[in-house]
Amino acid sequence: MTIAAPPFHLTELIRRCAGGRHLEADEAETAFGMILDGAATQAQTAALLAILARNGESAAELAGAVRAVRARAGTVQSARRPLLDVCGTGGDHSHSFNISTATALVVAGAGVAVAKHGNRAMTSRSGSADVLEAAGVDLQRSAATAEASLASAGVAFLYAQAFHPALQAVAPVRREIGIRTLFNLIGPLCNPAELTHQIVGVPERRSMQTMLAVLAMLGRTRAAVLCAADGMDEVSVTTATHVMEWTGSRVLEYEIAPEMIGLPRYAPGAVAGGGPQENLAILRRLLDGWDGAHRDIVVLNAALALQIAGAAPDLSGAAELAQSSIDGGGAARALAALIAASC
């Protein structure tokens, strides 16, 4: 039996990477387009992913891969501006409740449109998709339904598996090689909506500069990448959090701490969560005005998001908007709108 030779172009790119060279963005887009289209062998896919991980993925490689994924995804159109997403890469092993999901609802409740891109749990017990499904949100909604939800309520949930079916082609290889790959990093960057603003949390500071460069390459008007000193991929209420912000023309670096907006610091584990039903109960109590660490960490994260979106000039003003979104019922109405869009 004759086995067809793999495409020469991809083989050549793999050889170059094996020699320590990084791919240009257009080369990465071509390579990952072939992988997602099934034009690469599993051996080629595994080799490229492993070599890129060894070399350390560059911003251009990540941006090219994101463009390849998004070119094969369902797209969500919206005239809402600003249009924001807030999420983390995961993998911080903090066992917290669904902080970014609650943050998205609070931000939407404060009047900033949010296209929340998310998935089921990978390293935790409950991902954003899991807790929203428990609340009654239909994960398999169409792009048209998401667009209508954004237009009417300023919030939509975009389930990654529904919008990125091409990624199923690489799932077996990712499982078999068993290492962190480029796909672990680009998940938050592949939102099918045309975002103007974005916040991405990472569990390691060494990833921050690269991730911010990718967000700039993807055309974000304003964006931030954050990493807490305790390793959370959220703004922490236990320690200070390092932030790198892209303003559209330059990079700013600063730290955020709870006391900057009058909040206390909490002991490690204070924002712990559980499975989808437990996290949904926490979310509903929080939206009903429940005080404590769970509320405070959401207020702190929402404050940064609202500041980045331009809804307030500083963190203190943004925190007031976040508090009002919870206490005035805006965040609860955002959740109700997501559920209603499923009916």
C-alpha atoms as a PDB file:
ATOM      1  CA  MET A   1       0.000   0.000   0.000  1.00  0.00           C
ATOM      2  CA  THR A   2       1.288   3.451  -0.937  1.00  0.00           C
ATOM      3  CA  ILE A   3       0.923   6.186   1.660  1.00  0.00           C
ATOM      4  CA  ALA A   4       0.555   9.664   0.213  1.00  0.00           C
ATOM      5  CA  ALA A   5       3.274  12.086   1.212  1.00  0.00           C
ATOM      6  CA  PRO A   6       2.141  14.887   3.506  1.00  0.00           C
ATOM      7  CA  PRO A   7       1.896  18.392   2.024  1.00  0.00           C
ATOM      8  CA  PHE A   8       5.436  19.665   1.411  1.00  0.00           C
ATOM      9  CA  HIS A   9       4.711  23.201   2.552  1.00  0.00           C
ATOM     10  CA  LEU A  10       3.659  22.113   6.030  1.00  0.00           C
ATOM     11  CA  THR A  11       6.587  19.697   6.283  1.00  0.00           C
ATOM     12  CA  GLU A  12       8.963  22.532   5.452  1.00  0.00           C
ATOM     13  CA  LEU A  13       7.411  24.771   8.111  1.00  0.00           C
ATOM     14  CA  ILE A  14       7.812  22.001  10.689  1.00  0.00           C
ATOM     15  CA  ARG A  15      11.485  21.628   9.737  1.00  0.00           C
ATOM     16  CA  ARG A  16      12.071  25.344  10.162  1.00  0.00           C
ATOM     17  CA  CYS A  17      10.426  25.343  13.583  1.00  0.00           C
ATOM     18  CA  ALA A  18      12.465  22.301  14.607  1.00  0.00           C
ATOM     19  CA  GLY A  19      15.542  24.385  13.831  1.00  0.00           C
ATOM     20  CA  GLY A  20      14.403  27.016  16.315  1.00  0.00           C
ATOM     21  CA  ARG A  21      12.799  29.499  13.928  1.00  0.00           C
ATOM     22  CA  HIS A  22       9.445  31.110  14.699  1.00  0.00           C
ATOM     23  CA  LEU A  23       6.684  31.258  12.108  1.00  0.00           C
ATOM     24  CA  GLU A  24       5.375  34.508  10.709  1.00  0.00           C
ATOM     25  CA  ALA A  25       1.680  35.155  11.322  1.00  0.00           C
ATOM     26  CA  ASP A  26       0.686  34.261   7.748  1.00  0.00           C
ATOM     27  CA  GLU A  27       2.718  31.041   7.902  1.00  0.00           C
ATOM     28  CA  ALA A  28       1.038  30.061  11.160  1.00  0.00           C
ATOM     29  CA  GLU A  29      -2.378  30.860   9.708  1.00  0.00           C
ATOM     30  CA  THR A  30      -1.641  28.637   6.692  1.00  0.00           C
ATOM     31  CA  ALA A  31      -0.276  25.793   8.815  1.00  0.00           C
ATOM     32  CA  PHE A  32      -3.160  25.769  11.268  1.00  0.00           C
ATOM     33  CA  GLY A  33      -5.659  26.185   8.463  1.00  0.00           C
ATOM     34  CA  MET A  34      -4.346  22.947   6.952  1.00  0.00           C
ATOM     35  CA  ILE A  35      -4.538  21.231  10.333  1.00  0.00           C
ATOM     36  CA  LEU A  36      -8.118  22.366  10.971  1.00  0.00           C
ATOM     37  CA  ASP A  37      -9.179  21.400   7.443  1.00  0.00           C
ATOM     38  CA  GLY A  38      -7.860  17.861   7.901  1.00  0.00           C
ATOM     39  CA  ALA A  39      -5.108  18.371   5.311  1.00  0.00           C
ATOM     40  CA  ALA A  40      -2.355  17.494   7.800  1.00  0.00           C
ATOM     41  CA  THR A  41      -1.554  14.091   9.211  1.00  0.00           C
ATOM     42  CA  GLN A  42      -1.835  13.453  12.945  1.00  0.00           C
ATOM     43  CA  ALA A  43       1.946  13.060  13.067  1.00  0.00           C
ATOM     44  CA  GLN A  44       2.426  16.482  11.477  1.00  0.00           C
ATOM     45  CA  THR A  45      -0.064  18.070  13.842  1.00  0.00           C
ATOM     46  CA  ALA A  46       1.565  16.526  16.909  1.00  0.00           C
ATOM     47  CA  ALA A  47       5.041  17.486  15.722  1.00  0.00           C
ATOM     48  CA  LEU A  48       4.148  21.119  15.070  1.00  0.00           C
ATOM     49  CA  LEU A  49       2.303  21.535  18.373  1.00  0.00           C
ATOM     50  CA  ALA A  50       5.136  19.945  20.365  1.00  0.00           C
ATOM     51  CA  ILE A  51       7.867  21.949  18.628  1.00  0.00           C
ATOM     52  CA  LEU A  52       6.021  25.249  19.063  1.00  0.00           C
ATOM     53  CA  ALA A  53       5.498  24.447  22.752  1.00  0.00           C
ATOM     54  CA  ARG A  54       9.210  23.682  23.137  1.00  0.00           C
ATOM     55  CA  ASN A  55      10.220  26.904  21.375  1.00  0.00           C
ATOM     56  CA  GLY A  56       7.647  28.994  23.231  1.00  0.00           C
ATOM     57  CA  GLU A  57       4.847  30.251  20.999  1.00  0.00           C
ATOM     58  CA  SER A  58       5.391  33.762  19.649  1.00  0.00           C
ATOM     59  CA  ALA A  59       2.720  36.440  19.369  1.00  0.00           C
ATOM     60  CA  ALA A  60       2.743  36.075  15.575  1.00  0.00           C
ATOM     61  CA  GLU A  61       2.232  32.305  15.817  1.00  0.00           C
ATOM     62  CA  LEU A  62      -0.657  32.721  18.239  1.00  0.00           C
ATOM     63  CA  ALA A  63      -2.267  35.454  16.143  1.00  0.00           C
ATOM     64  CA  GLY A  64      -1.964  33.375  12.972  1.00  0.00           C
ATOM     65  CA  ALA A  65      -3.524  30.351  14.665  1.00  0.00           C
ATOM     66  CA  VAL A  66      -6.372  32.499  16.019  1.00  0.00           C
ATOM     67  CA  ARG A  67      -7.090  33.833  12.539  1.00  0.00           C
ATOM     68  CA  ALA A  68      -7.183  30.293  11.155  1.00  0.00           C
ATOM     69  CA  VAL A  69      -9.641  29.199  13.857  1.00  0.00           C
ATOM     70  CA  ARG A  70     -11.873  32.253  13.478  1.00  0.00           C
ATOM     71  CA  ALA A  71     -11.944  31.922   9.686  1.00  0.00           C
ATOM     72  CA  ARG A  72     -13.606  28.531  10.178  1.00  0.00           C
ATOM     73  CA  ALA A  73     -15.975  29.590  12.956  1.00  0.00           C
ATOM     74  CA  GLY A  74     -19.497  30.869  13.012  1.00  0.00           C
ATOM     75  CA  THR A  75     -19.439  34.653  13.233  1.00  0.00           C
ATOM     76  CA  VAL A  76     -21.491  36.960  15.435  1.00  0.00           C
ATOM     77  CA  GLN A  77     -22.222  40.472  14.186  1.00  0.00           C
ATOM     78  CA  SER A  78     -23.111  43.306  16.528  1.00  0.00           C
ATOM     79  CA  ALA A  79     -23.315  47.063  16.246  1.00  0.00           C
ATOM     80  CA  ARG A  80     -22.869  47.429  20.013  1.00  0.00           C
ATOM     81  CA  ARG A  81     -19.779  49.428  20.945  1.00  0.00           C
ATOM     82  CA  PRO A  82     -17.826  48.863  23.031  1.00  0.00           C
ATOM     83  CA  LEU A  83     -18.139  45.080  22.804  1.00  0.00           C
ATOM     84  CA  LEU A  84     -16.209  43.286  25.531  1.00  0.00           C
ATOM     85  CA  ASP A  85     -15.213  39.810  26.641  1.00  0.00           C
ATOM     86  CA  VAL A  86     -13.566  38.827  29.893  1.00  0.00           C
ATOM     87  CA  CYS A  87     -12.153  35.353  30.448  1.00  0.00           C
ATOM     88  CA  GLY A  88      -9.099  33.414  31.526  1.00  0.00           C
ATOM     89  CA  THR A  89      -6.985  30.758  29.905  1.00  0.00           C
ATOM     90  CA  GLY A  90      -7.743  28.464  32.860  1.00  0.00           C
ATOM     91  CA  GLY A  91      -5.287  26.116  34.439  1.00  0.00           C
ATOM     92  CA  ASP A  92      -4.772  28.135  37.624  1.00  0.00           C
ATOM     93  CA  HIS A  93      -6.099  25.260  39.793  1.00  0.00           C
ATOM     94  CA  SER A  94      -7.663  27.760  42.200  1.00  0.00           C
ATOM     95  CA  HIS A  95     -10.942  25.786  42.461  1.00  0.00           C
ATOM     96  CA  SER A  96     -12.829  29.088  42.485  1.00  0.00           C
ATOM     97  CA  PHE A  97     -16.422  29.610  41.407  1.00  0.00           C
ATOM     98  CA  ASN A  98     -17.195  31.030  37.952  1.00  0.00           C
ATOM     99  CA  ILE A  99     -15.764  34.499  38.491  1.00  0.00           C
ATOM    100  CA  SER A 100     -15.482  35.641  34.879  1.00  0.00           C
ATOM    101  CA  THR A 101     -19.059  34.526  34.164  1.00  0.00           C
ATOM    102  CA  ALA A 102     -20.396  36.550  37.085  1.00  0.00           C
ATOM    103  CA  THR A 103     -18.168  39.450  36.047  1.00  0.00           C
ATOM    104  CA  ALA A 104     -19.618  39.389  32.530  1.00  0.00           C
ATOM    105  CA  LEU A 105     -23.153  39.635  33.922  1.00  0.00           C
ATOM    106  CA  VAL A 106     -22.234  42.547  36.195  1.00  0.00           C
ATOM    107  CA  VAL A 107     -20.538  44.396  33.335  1.00  0.00           C
ATOM    108  CA  ALA A 108     -23.528  43.827  31.047  1.00  0.00           C
ATOM    109  CA  GLY A 109     -25.836  44.954  33.841  1.00  0.00           C
ATOM    110  CA  ALA A 110     -23.837  48.187  34.024  1.00  0.00           C
ATOM    111  CA  GLY A 111     -24.560  48.907  30.369  1.00  0.00           C
ATOM    112  CA  VAL A 112     -21.459  47.617  28.542  1.00  0.00           C
ATOM    113  CA  ALA A 113     -22.233  44.955  25.932  1.00  0.00           C
ATOM    114  CA  VAL A 114     -20.564  41.597  26.587  1.00  0.00           C
ATOM    115  CA  ALA A 115     -20.090  38.689  24.181  1.00  0.00           C
ATOM    116  CA  LYS A 116     -19.015  36.047  26.685  1.00  0.00           C
ATOM    117  CA  HIS A 117     -17.063  33.270  24.985  1.00  0.00           C
ATOM    118  CA  GLY A 118     -16.687  30.122  27.068  1.00  0.00           C
ATOM    119  CA  ASN A 119     -16.540  26.378  27.330  1.00  0.00           C
ATOM    120  CA  ARG A 120     -17.090  23.492  29.690  1.00  0.00           C
ATOM    121  CA  ALA A 121     -14.682  22.854  32.542  1.00  0.00           C
ATOM    122  CA  MET A 122     -11.198  21.654  31.667  1.00  0.00           C
ATOM    123  CA  THR A 123      -9.226  21.917  34.918  1.00  0.00           C
ATOM    124  CA  SER A 124     -12.039  22.924  37.287  1.00  0.00           C
ATOM    125  CA  ARG A 125     -15.369  21.328  38.200  1.00  0.00           C
ATOM    126  CA  SER A 126     -17.497  23.934  36.455  1.00  0.00           C
ATOM    127  CA  GLY A 127     -16.790  26.058  33.400  1.00  0.00           C
ATOM    128  CA  SER A 128     -18.853  29.012  32.233  1.00  0.00           C
ATOM    129  CA  ALA A 129     -20.861  26.756  29.931  1.00  0.00           C
ATOM    130  CA  ASP A 130     -21.605  24.339  32.775  1.00  0.00           C
ATOM    131  CA  VAL A 131     -22.953  26.941  35.196  1.00  0.00           C
ATOM    132  CA  LEU A 132     -24.979  28.785  32.544  1.00  0.00           C
ATOM    133  CA  GLU A 133     -26.454  25.507  31.305  1.00  0.00           C
ATOM    134  CA  ALA A 134     -27.468  24.759  34.900  1.00  0.00           C
ATOM    135  CA  ALA A 135     -29.190  28.164  34.951  1.00  0.00           C
ATOM    136  CA  GLY A 136     -31.210  27.265  31.858  1.00  0.00           C
ATOM    137  CA  VAL A 137     -29.140  28.794  29.063  1.00  0.00           C
ATOM    138  CA  ASP A 138     -29.246  26.845  25.784  1.00  0.00           C
ATOM    139  CA  LEU A 139     -25.606  26.320  24.798  1.00  0.00           C
ATOM    140  CA  GLN A 140     -26.377  25.387  21.198  1.00  0.00           C
ATOM    141  CA  ARG A 141     -27.911  28.693  20.218  1.00  0.00           C
ATOM    142  CA  SER A 142     -27.284  30.002  16.716  1.00  0.00           C
ATOM    143  CA  ALA A 143     -25.296  33.073  15.769  1.00  0.00           C
ATOM    144  CA  ALA A 144     -28.566  34.797  14.886  1.00  0.00           C
ATOM    145  CA  THR A 145     -29.912  34.180  18.390  1.00  0.00           C
ATOM    146  CA  ALA A 146     -26.707  35.513  19.937  1.00  0.00           C
ATOM    147  CA  GLU A 147     -26.898  38.593  17.723  1.00  0.00           C
ATOM    148  CA  ALA A 148     -30.489  39.213  18.769  1.00  0.00           C
ATOM    149  CA  SER A 149     -29.542  38.815  22.436  1.00  0.00           C
ATOM    150  CA  LEU A 150     -26.722  41.331  22.070  1.00  0.00           C
ATOM    151  CA  ALA A 151     -29.000  43.787  20.293  1.00  0.00           C
ATOM    152  CA  SER A 152     -31.832  43.569  22.818  1.00  0.00           C
ATOM    153  CA  ALA A 153     -30.058  42.903  26.112  1.00  0.00           C
ATOM    154  CA  GLY A 154     -26.391  43.717  25.521  1.00  0.00           C
ATOM    155  CA  VAL A 155     -25.219  40.243  26.486  1.00  0.00           C
ATOM    156  CA  ALA A 156     -24.741  36.877  24.779  1.00  0.00           C
ATOM    157  CA  PHE A 157     -23.020  33.600  25.596  1.00  0.00           C
ATOM    158  CA  LEU A 158     -21.025  32.033  22.764  1.00  0.00           C
ATOM    159  CA  TYR A 159     -20.362  28.364  23.480  1.00  0.00           C
ATOM    160  CA  ALA A 160     -16.944  27.516  22.068  1.00  0.00           C
ATOM    161  CA  GLN A 161     -17.827  24.005  20.925  1.00  0.00           C
ATOM    162  CA  ALA A 162     -20.872  25.263  19.022  1.00  0.00           C
ATOM    163  CA  PHE A 163     -18.969  27.998  17.196  1.00  0.00           C
ATOM    164  CA  HIS A 164     -15.688  26.155  16.555  1.00  0.00           C
ATOM    165  CA  PRO A 165     -16.517  22.676  15.202  1.00  0.00           C
ATOM    166  CA  ALA A 166     -13.206  22.615  13.303  1.00  0.00           C
ATOM    167  CA  LEU A 167     -11.347  22.293  16.607  1.00  0.00           C
ATOM    168  CA  GLN A 168     -12.693  18.768  16.974  1.00  0.00           C
ATOM    169  CA  ALA A 169     -10.127  17.760  14.345  1.00  0.00           C
ATOM    170  CA  VAL A 170      -7.254  18.367  16.764  1.00  0.00           C
ATOM    171  CA  ALA A 171      -8.874  17.007  19.925  1.00  0.00           C
ATOM    172  CA  PRO A 172      -7.516  13.422  19.568  1.00  0.00           C
ATOM    173  CA  VAL A 173      -3.952  14.614  18.971  1.00  0.00           C
ATOM    174  CA  ARG A 174      -4.094  17.017  21.916  1.00  0.00           C
ATOM    175  CA  ARG A 175      -5.242  14.185  24.179  1.00  0.00           C
ATOM    176  CA  GLU A 176      -2.590  11.780  22.916  1.00  0.00           C
ATOM    177  CA  ILE A 177       0.440  14.055  23.260  1.00  0.00           C
ATOM    178  CA  GLY A 178      -0.706  15.143  26.723  1.00  0.00           C
ATOM    179  CA  ILE A 179       1.141  18.475  26.953  1.00  0.00           C
ATOM    180  CA  ARG A 180       0.088  22.111  27.052  1.00  0.00           C
ATOM    181  CA  THR A 181      -0.109  23.369  23.495  1.00  0.00           C
ATOM    182  CA  LEU A 182      -0.907  26.522  21.598  1.00  0.00           C
ATOM    183  CA  PHE A 183      -4.602  25.622  21.755  1.00  0.00           C
ATOM    184  CA  ASN A 184      -4.585  26.041  25.546  1.00  0.00           C
ATOM    185  CA  LEU A 185      -3.543  29.656  25.058  1.00  0.00           C
ATOM    186  CA  ILE A 186      -5.716  30.768  22.166  1.00  0.00           C
ATOM    187  CA  GLY A 187      -9.120  29.707  23.510  1.00  0.00           C
ATOM    188  CA  PRO A 188      -9.948  33.141  24.986  1.00  0.00           C
ATOM    189  CA  LEU A 189      -8.670  34.828  21.810  1.00  0.00           C
ATOM    190  CA  CYS A 190     -11.001  33.015  19.393  1.00  0.00           C
ATOM    191  CA  ASN A 191     -14.237  34.824  20.274  1.00  0.00           C
ATOM    192  CA  PRO A 192     -16.416  34.723  17.129  1.00  0.00           C
ATOM    193  CA  ALA A 193     -17.710  38.248  17.775  1.00  0.00           C
ATOM    194  CA  GLU A 194     -15.826  41.326  16.586  1.00  0.00           C
ATOM    195  CA  LEU A 195     -14.690  42.510  19.997  1.00  0.00           C
ATOM    196  CA  THR A 196     -13.391  46.004  20.576  1.00  0.00           C
ATOM    197  CA  HIS A 197     -12.225  45.440  24.155  1.00  0.00           C
ATOM    198  CA  GLN A 198     -11.006  42.364  25.998  1.00  0.00           C
ATOM    199  CA  ILE A 199      -9.535  41.192  29.295  1.00  0.00           C
ATOM    200  CA  VAL A 200      -7.633  37.899  29.473  1.00  0.00           C
ATOM    201  CA  GLY A 201      -6.385  36.298  32.676  1.00  0.00           C
ATOM    202  CA  VAL A 202      -3.351  34.012  32.694  1.00  0.00           C
ATOM    203  CA  PRO A 203      -1.920  31.930  35.568  1.00  0.00           C
ATOM    204  CA  GLU A 204       1.744  32.730  34.753  1.00  0.00           C
ATOM    205  CA  ARG A 205       3.287  36.179  34.311  1.00  0.00           C
ATOM    206  CA  ARG A 206       5.644  34.958  31.600  1.00  0.00           C
ATOM    207  CA  SER A 207       2.643  34.689  29.225  1.00  0.00           C
ATOM    208  CA  MET A 208       1.407  38.241  29.755  1.00  0.00           C
ATOM    209  CA  GLN A 209       3.486  40.204  27.268  1.00  0.00           C
ATOM    210  CA  THR A 210       2.904  37.715  24.461  1.00  0.00           C
ATOM    211  CA  MET A 211      -0.841  37.560  25.062  1.00  0.00           C
ATOM    212  CA  LEU A 212      -1.120  41.342  25.107  1.00  0.00           C
ATOM    213  CA  ALA A 213       0.813  41.566  21.843  1.00  0.00           C
ATOM    214  CA  VAL A 214      -1.642  39.119  20.268  1.00  0.00           C
ATOM    215  CA  LEU A 215      -4.616  41.199  21.426  1.00  0.00           C
ATOM    216  CA  ALA A 216      -3.028  44.262  19.819  1.00  0.00           C
ATOM    217  CA  MET A 217      -2.389  42.315  16.596  1.00  0.00           C
ATOM    218  CA  LEU A 218      -6.032  41.230  16.570  1.00  0.00           C
ATOM    219  CA  GLY A 219      -7.081  44.877  16.546  1.00  0.00           C
ATOM    220  CA  ARG A 220      -8.466  45.394  20.026  1.00  0.00           C
ATOM    221  CA  THR A 221      -9.104  49.067  20.770  1.00  0.00           C
ATOM    222  CA  ARG A 222      -8.143  48.553  24.389  1.00  0.00           C
ATOM    223  CA  ALA A 223      -7.240  45.378  26.251  1.00  0.00           C
ATOM    224  CA  ALA A 224      -5.611  44.028  29.381  1.00  0.00           C
ATOM    225  CA  VAL A 225      -3.870  40.833  30.426  1.00  0.00           C
ATOM    226  CA  LEU A 226      -3.650  40.059  34.127  1.00  0.00           C
ATOM    227  CA  CYS A 227      -2.064  37.595  36.505  1.00  0.00           C
ATOM    228  CA  ALA A 228      -2.522  37.551  40.271  1.00  0.00           C
ATOM    229  CA  ALA A 229       0.416  37.006  42.610  1.00  0.00           C
ATOM    230  CA  ASP A 230      -1.365  33.928  43.984  1.00  0.00           C
ATOM    231  CA  GLY A 231      -1.527  32.432  40.477  1.00  0.00           C
ATOM    232  CA  MET A 232      -5.198  33.149  39.781  1.00  0.00           C
ATOM    233  CA  ASP A 233      -6.139  34.110  36.239  1.00  0.00           C
ATOM    234  CA  GLU A 234      -8.528  36.697  37.723  1.00  0.00           C
ATOM    235  CA  VAL A 235      -8.036  39.872  39.738  1.00  0.00           C
ATOM    236  CA  SER A 236      -7.515  38.391  43.209  1.00  0.00           C
ATOM    237  CA  VAL A 237      -8.912  39.475  46.571  1.00  0.00           C
ATOM    238  CA  THR A 238      -6.130  37.568  48.345  1.00  0.00           C
ATOM    239  CA  THR A 239      -3.068  39.206  46.790  1.00  0.00           C
ATOM    240  CA  ALA A 240      -2.153  42.013  44.413  1.00  0.00           C
ATOM    241  CA  THR A 241      -2.696  41.432  40.690  1.00  0.00           C
ATOM    242  CA  HIS A 242      -0.300  42.498  37.947  1.00  0.00           C
ATOM    243  CA  VAL A 243      -1.929  44.074  34.884  1.00  0.00           C
ATOM    244  CA  MET A 244      -0.538  44.868  31.441  1.00  0.00           C
ATOM    245  CA  GLU A 245      -2.843  47.145  29.468  1.00  0.00           C
ATOM    246  CA  TRP A 246      -2.874  47.979  25.759  1.00  0.00           C
ATOM    247  CA  THR A 247      -4.314  51.483  25.358  1.00  0.00           C
ATOM    248  CA  GLY A 248      -4.398  51.386  21.567  1.00  0.00           C
ATOM    249  CA  SER A 249      -1.054  53.140  21.282  1.00  0.00           C
ATOM    250  CA  ARG A 250       1.105  52.036  24.216  1.00  0.00           C
ATOM    251  CA  VAL A 251       1.472  49.474  27.000  1.00  0.00           C
ATOM    252  CA  LEU A 252       0.870  50.333  30.648  1.00  0.00           C
ATOM    253  CA  GLU A 253       1.839  48.143  33.609  1.00  0.00           C
ATOM    254  CA  TYR A 254       0.363  48.443  37.076  1.00  0.00           C
ATOM    255  CA  GLU A 255      -0.966  46.502  40.040  1.00  0.00           C
ATOM    256  CA  ILE A 256      -4.473  46.256  41.440  1.00  0.00           C
ATOM    257  CA  ALA A 257      -5.236  45.370  45.054  1.00  0.00           C
ATOM    258  CA  PRO A 258      -8.614  45.065  46.829  1.00  0.00           C
ATOM    259  CA  GLU A 259      -7.910  47.951  49.192  1.00  0.00           C
ATOM    260  CA  MET A 260      -7.670  50.327  46.209  1.00  0.00           C
ATOM    261  CA  ILE A 261     -11.478  50.303  46.064  1.00  0.00           C
ATOM    262  CA  GLY A 262     -12.097  49.847  49.777  1.00  0.00           C
ATOM    263  CA  LEU A 263     -12.339  46.051  49.842  1.00  0.00           C
ATOM    264  CA  PRO A 264     -10.622  43.766  52.361  1.00  0.00           C
ATOM    265  CA  ARG A 265      -8.160  41.031  51.543  1.00  0.00           C
ATOM    266  CA  TYR A 266      -9.376  37.489  52.108  1.00  0.00           C
ATOM    267  CA  ALA A 267      -7.692  34.239  53.036  1.00  0.00           C
ATOM    268  CA  PRO A 268      -6.821  31.768  50.274  1.00  0.00           C
ATOM    269  CA  GLY A 269      -9.820  29.650  49.340  1.00  0.00           C
ATOM    270  CA  ALA A 270     -12.378  32.304  50.256  1.00  0.00           C
ATOM    271  CA  VAL A 271     -13.828  32.314  46.721  1.00  0.00           C
ATOM    272  CA  ALA A 272     -13.971  28.543  46.350  1.00  0.00           C
ATOM    273  CA  GLY A 273     -16.702  26.977  44.276  1.00  0.00           C
ATOM    274  CA  GLY A 274     -17.854  23.504  43.354  1.00  0.00           C
ATOM    275  CA  GLY A 275     -19.878  21.845  40.636  1.00  0.00           C
ATOM    276  CA  PRO A 276     -22.339  23.613  38.321  1.00  0.00           C
ATOM    277  CA  GLN A 277     -25.288  23.547  40.742  1.00  0.00           C
ATOM    278  CA  GLU A 278     -23.207  24.798  43.672  1.00  0.00           C
ATOM    279  CA  ASN A 279     -21.693  27.563  41.559  1.00  0.00           C
ATOM    280  CA  LEU A 280     -25.127  28.534  40.264  1.00  0.00           C
ATOM    281  CA  ALA A 281     -26.334  28.884  43.857  1.00  0.00           C
ATOM    282  CA  ILE A 282     -23.346  31.135  44.611  1.00  0.00           C
ATOM    283  CA  LEU A 283     -24.056  33.183  41.485  1.00  0.00           C
ATOM    284  CA  ARG A 284     -27.723  33.672  42.330  1.00  0.00           C
ATOM    285  CA  ARG A 285     -26.956  34.662  45.923  1.00  0.00           C
ATOM    286  CA  LEU A 286     -24.348  37.109  44.688  1.00  0.00           C
ATOM    287  CA  LEU A 287     -26.786  38.685  42.218  1.00  0.00           C
ATOM    288  CA  ASP A 288     -29.346  38.935  45.027  1.00  0.00           C
ATOM    289  CA  GLY A 289     -26.946  41.166  46.985  1.00  0.00           C
ATOM    290  CA  TRP A 290     -25.072  38.618  49.111  1.00  0.00           C
ATOM    291  CA  ASP A 291     -21.986  40.208  50.738  1.00  0.00           C
ATOM    292  CA  GLY A 292     -18.596  38.588  51.165  1.00  0.00           C
ATOM    293  CA  ALA A 293     -15.576  37.398  49.220  1.00  0.00           C
ATOM    294  CA  HIS A 294     -17.527  36.061  46.233  1.00  0.00           C
ATOM    295  CA  ARG A 295     -19.213  39.414  45.660  1.00  0.00           C
ATOM    296  CA  ASP A 296     -16.038  41.397  46.283  1.00  0.00           C
ATOM    297  CA  ILE A 297     -13.920  39.491  43.777  1.00  0.00           C
ATOM    298  CA  VAL A 298     -16.599  39.977  41.121  1.00  0.00           C
ATOM    299  CA  VAL A 299     -16.837  43.698  41.895  1.00  0.00           C
ATOM    300  CA  LEU A 300     -13.049  44.008  41.607  1.00  0.00           C
ATOM    301  CA  ASN A 301     -12.922  42.153  38.286  1.00  0.00           C
ATOM    302  CA  ALA A 302     -15.932  44.011  36.910  1.00  0.00           C
ATOM    303  CA  ALA A 303     -14.351  47.314  37.940  1.00  0.00           C
ATOM    304  CA  LEU A 304     -11.276  46.603  35.832  1.00  0.00           C
ATOM    305  CA  ALA A 305     -13.459  45.507  32.909  1.00  0.00           C
ATOM    306  CA  LEU A 306     -15.622  48.625  33.089  1.00  0.00           C
ATOM    307  CA  GLN A 307     -12.556  50.847  33.305  1.00  0.00           C
ATOM    308  CA  ILE A 308     -10.970  49.148  30.276  1.00  0.00           C
ATOM    309  CA  ALA A 309     -14.264  49.550  28.382  1.00  0.00           C
ATOM    310  CA  GLY A 310     -14.222  53.278  29.129  1.00  0.00           C
ATOM    311  CA  ALA A 311     -17.368  53.255  31.264  1.00  0.00           C
ATOM    312  CA  ALA A 312     -15.558  55.054  34.100  1.00  0.00           C
ATOM    313  CA  PRO A 313     -12.359  57.117  34.255  1.00  0.00           C
ATOM    314  CA  ASP A 314     -10.814  55.208  37.132  1.00  0.00           C
ATOM    315  CA  LEU A 315     -11.086  51.998  39.130  1.00  0.00           C
ATOM    316  CA  SER A 316     -13.056  53.575  41.984  1.00  0.00           C
ATOM    317  CA  GLY A 317     -15.712  54.958  39.656  1.00  0.00           C
ATOM    318  CA  ALA A 318     -15.888  51.646  37.829  1.00  0.00           C
ATOM    319  CA  ALA A 319     -16.331  49.817  41.151  1.00  0.00           C
ATOM    320  CA  GLU A 320     -19.319  52.032  41.945  1.00  0.00           C
ATOM    321  CA  LEU A 321     -20.878  51.044  38.612  1.00  0.00           C
ATOM    322  CA  ALA A 322     -20.273  47.368  39.415  1.00  0.00           C
ATOM    323  CA  GLN A 323     -21.844  47.694  42.859  1.00  0.00           C
ATOM    324  CA  SER A 324     -24.864  49.462  41.350  1.00  0.00           C
ATOM    325  CA  SER A 325     -25.244  46.761  38.701  1.00  0.00           C
ATOM    326  CA  ILE A 326     -25.606  44.164  41.463  1.00  0.00           C
ATOM    327  CA  ASP A 327     -27.658  46.186  43.938  1.00  0.00           C
ATOM    328  CA  GLY A 328     -29.899  47.738  41.278  1.00  0.00           C
ATOM    329  CA  GLY A 329     -30.673  44.396  39.645  1.00  0.00           C
ATOM    330  CA  GLY A 330     -28.910  45.026  36.336  1.00  0.00           C
ATOM    331  CA  ALA A 331     -26.690  41.957  36.635  1.00  0.00           C
ATOM    332  CA  ALA A 332     -29.659  39.730  37.529  1.00  0.00           C
ATOM    333  CA  ARG A 333     -31.544  41.087  34.512  1.00  0.00           C
ATOM    334  CA  ALA A 334     -28.574  40.229  32.298  1.00  0.00           C
ATOM    335  CA  LEU A 335     -28.751  36.605  33.465  1.00  0.00           C
ATOM    336  CA  ALA A 336     -32.517  36.573  32.929  1.00  0.00           C
ATOM    337  CA  ALA A 337     -31.994  37.883  29.391  1.00  0.00           C
ATOM    338  CA  LEU A 338     -29.534  35.078  28.614  1.00  0.00           C
ATOM    339  CA  ILE A 339     -32.024  32.496  29.840  1.00  0.00           C
ATOM    340  CA  ALA A 340     -34.940  34.133  27.985  1.00  0.00           C
ATOM    341  CA  ALA A 341     -32.965  34.088  24.733  1.00  0.00           C
ATOM    342  CA  SER A 342     -32.908  30.296  25.029  1.00  0.00           C
ATOM    343  CA  CYS A 343     -36.695  30.024  24.991  1.00  0.00           C
END
